[in-house]
Every structure is written in C-alpha cells, then in structure tokens.
C-alpha cells in the first residue's frame, strides 16, 4: 500500500482546508488511520485518529475545528480543517496502521496559516 497526500496550501487565519490521503493497492485489515503534523523545530505530533470502526480522537488543540473521516471503502482519509490558526502551520502526514501490524506513511503536505 502507498499513501498519497494532497490538499495542503496557504490560507489566512480563520480559513479552511481539506486534506486528502489516497491509498493505492490493496487496503486490508485496517486497525486505524491518522493524521500527524510536524512544525519546524518541533517533534511530529498526532493530530487525529479514526479506527476501522469509526471511532475518532483528536489533539486537544484541534478539537472542534478539525474532523477526520474516511471514504466508504476506507481507501481515502480526509482531514477537514476549519478556523485554522497560525499554530496549525506544519507539514501534515497521513498514516495507516494494520492489524499485522504494518505502518504506512504518506509523503506529507504543507499547510501554512498566516495572520
């Protein structure tokens, strides 16, 4: 499986972006999918997760602003980001974990929020 992330860009504070992460190849035995981010000079942090059963969890600072979801076939992961703030500026990475377990990462997409 390979993951291809897209949808990043530059927006002003208060704006919205929707990230997508498309999986190519056979997607089976998914345990969970997630979005991480890494800002310059900082460690990568977990932003949101969604289990194969649809349960979601979010980083406290994005609760109420970000929404993680998947397509019905779970071949695409989405991250809807609303009311973006400057501190959301980072490279965003998608991740897919199976029950095997295996962990697959997308290539990252840049999100820049200006004040």
Protein backbone atom coordinates (compact mmCIF):
# COMPACT_ATOMS: atom_id res chain seq x y z
CA UNK A 1 0.00 0.00 0.00
CA UNK A 2 1.16 3.53 -0.81
CA UNK A 3 -0.39 6.75 0.52
CA UNK A 4 -0.57 9.99 -1.47
CA UNK A 5 -1.46 13.11 0.49
CA UNK A 6 -2.83 16.29 -1.08
CA UNK A 7 -4.81 19.41 -0.26
CA UNK A 8 -2.27 21.48 1.59
CA UNK A 9 -1.75 25.14 0.87
CA UNK A 10 -1.61 28.64 2.28
CA UNK A 11 -4.58 30.28 3.99
CA UNK A 12 -5.24 33.15 6.32
CA UNK A 13 -6.17 32.55 9.93
CA UNK A 14 -9.79 31.57 10.22
CA UNK A 15 -9.76 29.84 6.86
CA UNK A 16 -10.31 26.20 5.97
CA UNK A 17 -8.50 23.43 4.13
CA UNK A 18 -9.36 19.82 3.42
CA UNK A 19 -6.53 17.32 3.27
CA UNK A 20 -6.91 14.03 1.44
CA UNK A 21 -4.79 10.90 1.56
CA UNK A 22 -5.45 8.28 -1.09
CA UNK A 23 -4.32 4.69 -0.65
CA UNK A 24 -3.21 2.74 -3.68
CA UNK A 25 -3.07 -1.01 -3.68
CA UNK A 26 -4.98 -3.44 -1.51
CA UNK A 27 -6.16 -1.92 1.77
CA UNK A 28 -7.00 -4.68 4.23
CA UNK A 29 -7.05 -5.37 7.95
CA UNK A 30 -7.00 -1.72 8.90
CA UNK A 31 -6.60 -1.04 12.60
CA UNK A 32 -6.65 2.74 12.40
CA UNK A 33 -5.76 5.71 10.23
CA UNK A 34 -4.34 9.00 11.39
CA UNK A 35 -3.03 12.43 10.56
CA UNK A 36 0.16 13.73 12.15
CA UNK A 37 1.90 17.06 11.77
CA UNK A 38 5.37 18.41 12.24
CA UNK A 39 6.13 22.08 12.62
CA UNK A 40 9.65 23.47 12.07
CA UNK A 41 11.90 22.65 15.01
CA UNK A 42 9.26 20.52 16.69
CA UNK A 43 8.56 16.83 17.02
CA UNK A 44 5.90 15.15 14.96
CA UNK A 45 2.60 15.08 16.83
CA UNK A 46 -0.57 13.09 16.45
CA UNK A 47 -3.45 15.27 15.28
CA UNK A 48 -6.35 12.87 14.79
CA UNK A 49 -7.11 9.17 14.53
CA UNK A 50 -10.01 7.14 13.23
CA UNK A 51 -10.40 3.42 13.85
CA UNK A 52 -11.77 0.92 11.36
CA UNK A 53 -14.98 1.10 13.38
CA UNK A 54 -15.20 4.86 13.01
CA UNK A 55 -14.14 5.96 16.48
CA UNK A 56 -12.21 9.23 16.43
CA UNK A 57 -9.79 11.03 18.70
CA UNK A 58 -8.23 14.46 18.40
CA UNK A 59 -5.36 16.52 19.73
CA UNK A 60 -6.87 18.87 22.31
CA UNK A 61 -5.85 21.99 20.41
CA UNK A 62 -7.77 20.95 17.27
CA UNK A 63 -10.94 19.61 18.88
CA UNK A 64 -13.99 21.33 17.45
CA UNK A 65 -12.01 22.65 14.48
CA UNK A 66 -10.70 19.54 12.69
CA UNK A 67 -12.66 16.49 11.52
CA UNK A 68 -11.13 13.20 10.39
CA UNK A 69 -13.11 10.88 8.16
CA UNK A 70 -12.69 8.20 5.52
CA UNK A 71 -14.34 7.18 2.30
CA UNK A 72 -16.78 4.28 2.49
CA UNK A 73 -14.12 1.90 1.19
CA UNK A 74 -11.53 3.36 3.59
CA UNK A 75 -9.24 3.95 0.62
CA UNK A 76 -9.10 7.69 1.29
CA UNK A 77 -8.53 9.53 4.57
CA UNK A 78 -9.70 13.12 4.96
CA UNK A 79 -8.91 15.89 7.40
CA UNK A 80 -11.28 18.84 7.30
CA UNK A 81 -9.59 21.78 8.99
CA UNK A 82 -11.70 24.80 9.88
CA UNK A 83 -10.88 28.01 11.73
CA UNK A 84 -7.19 27.44 11.06
CA UNK A 85 -4.74 29.23 13.31
CA UNK A 86 -1.10 30.19 12.76
CA UNK A 87 -0.04 27.46 15.17
CA UNK A 88 -1.53 24.89 12.80
CA UNK A 89 1.26 25.63 10.32
CA UNK A 90 3.12 22.38 9.71
CA UNK A 91 3.73 19.54 7.32
CA UNK A 92 0.84 17.11 7.66
CA UNK A 93 1.35 13.37 7.22
CA UNK A 94 -1.20 10.61 6.87
CA UNK A 95 -0.63 7.19 8.40
CA UNK A 96 -2.32 3.83 8.03
CA UNK A 97 -1.82 1.02 10.54
CA UNK A 98 -2.99 -2.53 10.02
CA UNK A 99 -3.56 -5.41 12.42
CA UNK A 100 -0.41 -7.19 11.11
CA UNK A 101 0.88 -4.70 12.29
CA UNK A 102 2.25 -2.55 9.49
CA UNK A 103 2.51 1.23 9.39
CA UNK A 104 2.47 3.18 6.13
CA UNK A 105 3.16 6.90 5.79
CA UNK A 106 2.21 9.40 3.14
CA UNK A 107 4.75 11.90 1.83
CA UNK A 108 3.46 14.96 3.69
CA UNK A 109 1.66 18.08 2.58
CA UNK A 110 2.47 21.63 3.71
CA UNK A 111 -0.13 23.74 5.48
CA UNK A 112 0.74 27.39 6.07
CA UNK A 113 -1.56 29.69 8.01
CA UNK A 114 -0.83 33.42 8.04
CA UNK A 115 -2.22 36.03 10.39
